[in-house]
Structures are given as C-alpha cells and as structure tokens.
Amino acid sequence: MTATITLSPTLEVEDRSSSSSIRLSLAPAGPAPALLDGAWWPRSRDLVAELPALTAAVEPLWGRITRVTVNPTHWPVVPRRVPVAGHVVKVGWFLAEQDPHELLLLSYRMGRWNLLVVPPGTDPVSAAWLMAAASDPLGTSTASRLMEQAARLRTASESDRAVEAVWDSEGGHEARARAARPRIPAVTAAPPYRPMAR
C-alpha cells in the first residue's frame, strides 16, 4: 500500500513535537506494487532520535506503526524499543534478509511499507534524485540498486565538472577556437590579368 503526497521529491513534513521537519517522499498508488514505497532522509543514524518524527508523519496515512526493521549495517545502535507519540515501536533487525539501505515499517491494521533510507550526509542533489526514484510507483529497483545508480551518477557528474574545470583553465571555447583556426599565410594578390586592347 502506498500513500499519495503531491509535493516536491523531498517532502518536508513538520514534526509537531519539535521545530525540525522530516524529509520524506512517498510513492502514489500505482498499477502494480513497487519494490519501494518511498524514501526517508533522516538527519542522523540515531533511531531513537529519528523514528518518532517518521512515525508521526506516516501514522495519519498508514495507521499506527507497531514495528520497524532495519539492517544494522548502517545503524550503529539498534534499540529494541523506541517510544513514540503515545506508544512504543518495537525495532528489529535482519542482516542477510534485509537490504542495508532499507527500513521496513509495519502496521498491524494496514500492512507494511519499504522505504529507502537516504544516508544523512548525502548531498541535496543526490538525495532529491534518490527520493524521486524511490517514490516512482512503477519502480523496479531495490534500495541498494538505487544507491549504486546514484553513486554512478555522482561519479559521472564529478567527472564532467573536472573536464569543465580543465576546459575553463585552458581557455575554454576561446582557446579551442584559436587552435582550430588554420594559420593562413599572408598572400599579396596580383591584380587581375586584363588583356590590352589593340
């Protein structure tokens, strides 16, 4: 099940319990179930600090979140329980069975949702791309595959910027235009031949 939120790829949802906001993008309902239901871009790898805002944002859409599972690869501490608004969310982890870049939310009444977890230190351009890709209702990529694609795009972009920097430092378009012009030797043209009248 997915929720439809029609805003920019990076949705800022106000957290009522603090002055911060949550960065969340959810997929609209599609014709077939996508592998991911959206993306979440937490500000840290602290589940105790981050989960209350996430559950506060999704519970009005999906019902009470009762359990969360993560892969501990990117979470330094995985608590067993996290107190959220008025209840406790149980937290579990799976090393081999769960994608390391994914968080699973469970609601007894409504079902389950898989969210790509965008690493907290991700640059805004990459994060926006990841959040949009994970929210594609026709998406067929796993969280790890999207992270690999984002890394390739970032590498290609950095390579392009390096080429542009070299280009600019060597004079850019002006230098190439000068180098491309062949040197034409100066030729003194003779006056055109005119036969003399007789």
Protein backbone atom coordinates (compact mmCIF):
# COMPACT_ATOMS: atom_id res chain seq x y z
CA MET A 1 0.00 0.00 0.00
CA THR A 2 1.24 3.44 -0.80
CA ALA A 3 0.28 6.96 0.06
CA THR A 4 -0.06 9.83 -2.36
CA ILE A 5 1.71 13.02 -1.47
CA THR A 6 1.88 15.59 -4.22
CA LEU A 7 4.76 17.89 -3.43
CA SER A 8 8.38 18.14 -4.46
CA PRO A 9 10.52 14.98 -4.41
CA THR A 10 11.79 15.98 -0.97
CA LEU A 11 8.74 16.46 1.19
CA GLU A 12 9.24 18.44 4.38
CA VAL A 13 6.66 17.35 6.95
CA GLU A 14 6.53 19.41 10.11
CA ASP A 15 7.09 17.38 13.26
CA ARG A 16 4.68 18.69 15.90
CA SER A 17 6.94 17.64 18.78
CA SER A 18 9.95 19.71 17.67
CA SER A 19 10.98 22.57 15.48
CA SER A 20 12.65 20.25 12.95
CA SER A 21 10.99 18.67 9.95
CA ILE A 22 11.15 15.24 8.40
CA ARG A 23 12.36 14.64 4.87
CA LEU A 24 10.07 12.04 3.37
CA SER A 25 8.83 11.16 -0.10
CA LEU A 26 6.06 8.60 -0.60
CA ALA A 27 5.01 6.84 -3.79
CA PRO A 28 1.50 7.33 -5.16
CA ALA A 29 -0.56 4.21 -5.71
CA GLY A 30 0.43 2.54 -8.96
CA PRO A 31 -0.98 -0.21 -11.16
CA ALA A 32 1.41 -2.78 -9.69
CA PRO A 33 3.15 -2.81 -6.33
CA ALA A 34 6.58 -1.16 -6.50
CA LEU A 35 9.57 -2.55 -4.64
CA LEU A 36 9.80 0.64 -2.59
CA ASP A 37 7.05 2.78 -1.11
CA GLY A 38 9.18 5.88 -0.91
CA ALA A 39 12.26 7.31 0.74
CA TRP A 40 13.22 8.78 4.07
CA TRP A 41 16.21 11.10 4.54
CA PRO A 42 17.00 11.16 8.28
CA ARG A 43 19.33 13.74 9.76
CA SER A 44 21.32 11.15 11.75
CA ARG A 45 21.81 7.42 12.25
CA ASP A 46 20.18 7.58 15.70
CA LEU A 47 16.95 5.57 15.54
CA VAL A 48 15.79 6.76 18.97
CA ALA A 49 16.02 10.38 17.80
CA GLU A 50 14.72 9.86 14.24
CA LEU A 51 11.86 7.32 14.46
CA PRO A 52 9.39 9.48 16.44
CA ALA A 53 9.24 12.10 13.67
CA LEU A 54 8.95 9.43 10.96
CA THR A 55 6.09 7.62 12.69
CA ALA A 56 4.34 10.93 13.41
CA ALA A 57 4.42 11.69 9.68
CA VAL A 58 3.22 8.30 8.39
CA GLU A 59 0.72 7.23 11.06
CA PRO A 60 -2.04 9.59 9.83
CA LEU A 61 -1.68 7.92 6.41
CA TRP A 62 -0.96 4.30 7.32
CA GLY A 63 -2.25 3.79 10.84
CA ARG A 64 -0.28 3.08 13.99
CA ILE A 65 3.22 1.84 13.27
CA THR A 66 3.93 -1.05 15.64
CA ARG A 67 7.22 -2.44 14.36
CA VAL A 68 10.27 -1.29 12.38
CA THR A 69 13.05 -3.43 10.99
CA VAL A 70 16.44 -2.35 9.69
CA ASN A 71 19.67 -3.90 8.55
CA PRO A 72 22.26 -2.98 11.22
CA THR A 73 24.99 -2.36 8.62
CA HIS A 74 24.38 1.42 8.63
CA TRP A 75 22.83 1.82 12.09
CA PRO A 76 25.45 1.92 14.88
CA VAL A 77 22.86 1.17 17.57
CA VAL A 78 19.60 -0.70 17.03
CA PRO A 79 17.39 -0.26 20.12
CA ARG A 80 14.77 -2.91 20.91
CA ARG A 81 12.03 -0.34 21.53
CA VAL A 82 11.55 3.33 20.69
CA PRO A 83 8.92 5.44 22.47
CA VAL A 84 6.87 7.47 20.01
CA ALA A 85 3.75 9.60 20.46
CA GLY A 86 1.63 7.64 22.93
CA HIS A 87 3.02 4.15 22.23
CA VAL A 88 6.17 2.11 21.74
CA VAL A 89 7.51 0.87 18.41
CA LYS A 90 9.41 -2.41 18.51
CA VAL A 91 12.60 -2.40 16.46
CA GLY A 92 14.12 -5.49 14.93
CA TRP A 93 16.97 -6.15 12.56
CA PHE A 94 17.89 -8.61 9.85
CA LEU A 95 21.40 -8.76 8.48
CA ALA A 96 21.16 -11.07 5.46
CA GLU A 97 17.42 -10.85 4.81
CA GLN A 98 17.02 -7.07 4.60
CA ASP A 99 18.56 -4.59 2.18
CA PRO A 100 21.09 -2.45 4.10
CA HIS A 101 19.61 0.76 2.64
CA GLU A 102 16.01 -0.02 3.52
CA LEU A 103 13.73 0.45 6.50
CA LEU A 104 10.56 -1.62 6.88
CA LEU A 105 7.54 -0.15 8.68
CA LEU A 106 4.75 -2.43 9.90
CA SER A 107 1.22 -1.56 10.95
CA TYR A 108 -0.97 -4.41 12.20
CA ARG A 109 -4.06 -2.87 10.63
CA MET A 110 -2.74 -1.54 7.35
CA GLY A 111 0.25 -3.60 6.21
CA ARG A 112 3.90 -2.92 5.55
CA TRP A 113 5.96 -0.31 3.71
CA ASN A 114 9.54 -0.39 2.50
CA LEU A 115 11.40 2.90 2.50
CA LEU A 116 14.81 3.66 1.03
CA VAL A 117 16.94 5.30 3.71
CA VAL A 118 18.93 8.11 2.13
CA PRO A 119 22.17 8.43 4.14
CA PRO A 120 22.12 11.54 6.36
CA GLY A 121 25.24 13.09 4.81
CA THR A 122 24.03 12.80 1.20
CA ASP A 123 24.30 15.96 -0.88
CA PRO A 124 20.91 17.56 -1.68
CA VAL A 125 21.06 16.87 -5.44
CA SER A 126 21.70 13.14 -4.95
CA ALA A 127 19.14 12.97 -2.16
CA ALA A 128 16.46 14.58 -4.34
CA TRP A 129 17.22 12.10 -7.15
CA LEU A 130 17.09 9.14 -4.74
CA MET A 131 13.83 10.30 -3.17
CA ALA A 132 12.19 10.78 -6.56
CA ALA A 133 13.42 7.40 -7.84
CA ALA A 134 12.28 5.56 -4.70
CA SER A 135 8.85 7.20 -4.98
CA ASP A 136 8.26 6.08 -8.56
CA PRO A 137 5.07 3.97 -8.49
CA LEU A 138 6.46 1.88 -11.35
CA GLY A 139 9.84 1.47 -9.70
CA THR A 140 11.56 -1.88 -10.06
CA SER A 141 14.85 -1.09 -8.33
CA THR A 142 15.86 -2.18 -4.87
CA ALA A 143 17.20 0.31 -2.37
CA SER A 144 20.78 -0.88 -2.90
CA ARG A 145 20.43 -0.68 -6.68
CA LEU A 146 19.22 2.92 -6.42
CA MET A 147 22.17 3.77 -4.18
CA GLU A 148 24.54 2.26 -6.79
CA GLN A 149 22.87 4.26 -9.58
CA ALA A 150 23.14 7.45 -7.53
CA ALA A 151 26.85 6.77 -6.94
CA ARG A 152 27.41 6.27 -10.69
CA LEU A 153 25.53 9.48 -11.49
CA ARG A 154 27.54 11.38 -8.86
CA THR A 155 30.82 9.99 -10.29
CA ALA A 156 29.79 10.95 -13.83
CA SER A 157 28.80 14.43 -12.66
CA GLU A 158 32.10 14.90 -10.81
CA SER A 159 33.98 13.71 -13.91
CA ASP A 160 32.05 16.19 -16.07
CA ARG A 161 32.88 19.01 -13.63
CA ALA A 162 36.58 18.03 -13.70
CA VAL A 163 36.61 18.11 -17.52
CA GLU A 164 34.87 21.51 -17.47
CA ALA A 165 37.42 22.83 -14.97
CA VAL A 166 40.29 21.76 -17.22
CA TRP A 167 38.47 23.20 -20.21
CA ASP A 168 37.97 26.52 -18.44
CA SER A 169 41.55 26.65 -17.14
CA GLU A 170 42.90 26.17 -20.65
CA GLY A 171 40.85 28.98 -22.09
CA GLY A 172 37.63 27.11 -22.82
CA HIS A 173 35.87 27.84 -26.09
CA GLU A 174 38.19 30.74 -26.93
CA ALA A 175 41.31 28.54 -26.78
CA ARG A 176 39.76 25.81 -28.88
CA ALA A 177 38.50 28.30 -31.44
CA ARG A 178 42.01 29.81 -31.77
CA ALA A 179 43.64 26.39 -32.04
CA ALA A 180 41.14 25.18 -34.61
CA ARG A 181 41.68 28.10 -36.98
CA PRO A 182 44.36 27.28 -39.54
CA ARG A 183 47.03 29.86 -39.99
CA ILE A 184 46.63 31.37 -43.42
CA PRO A 185 49.82 32.86 -44.77
CA ALA A 186 49.59 36.42 -45.98
CA VAL A 187 49.36 36.45 -49.75
CA THR A 188 49.76 39.51 -51.84
CA ALA A 189 47.27 39.19 -54.60
CA ALA A 190 48.33 40.27 -58.04
CA PRO A 191 45.91 42.49 -59.90
CA PRO A 192 43.70 40.51 -62.18
CA TYR A 193 45.06 39.95 -65.67
CA ARG A 194 43.47 42.23 -68.24
CA PRO A 195 44.37 41.81 -71.84
CA MET A 196 45.39 45.03 -73.51
CA ALA A 197 43.17 46.34 -76.19
CA ARG A 198 44.66 46.61 -79.65
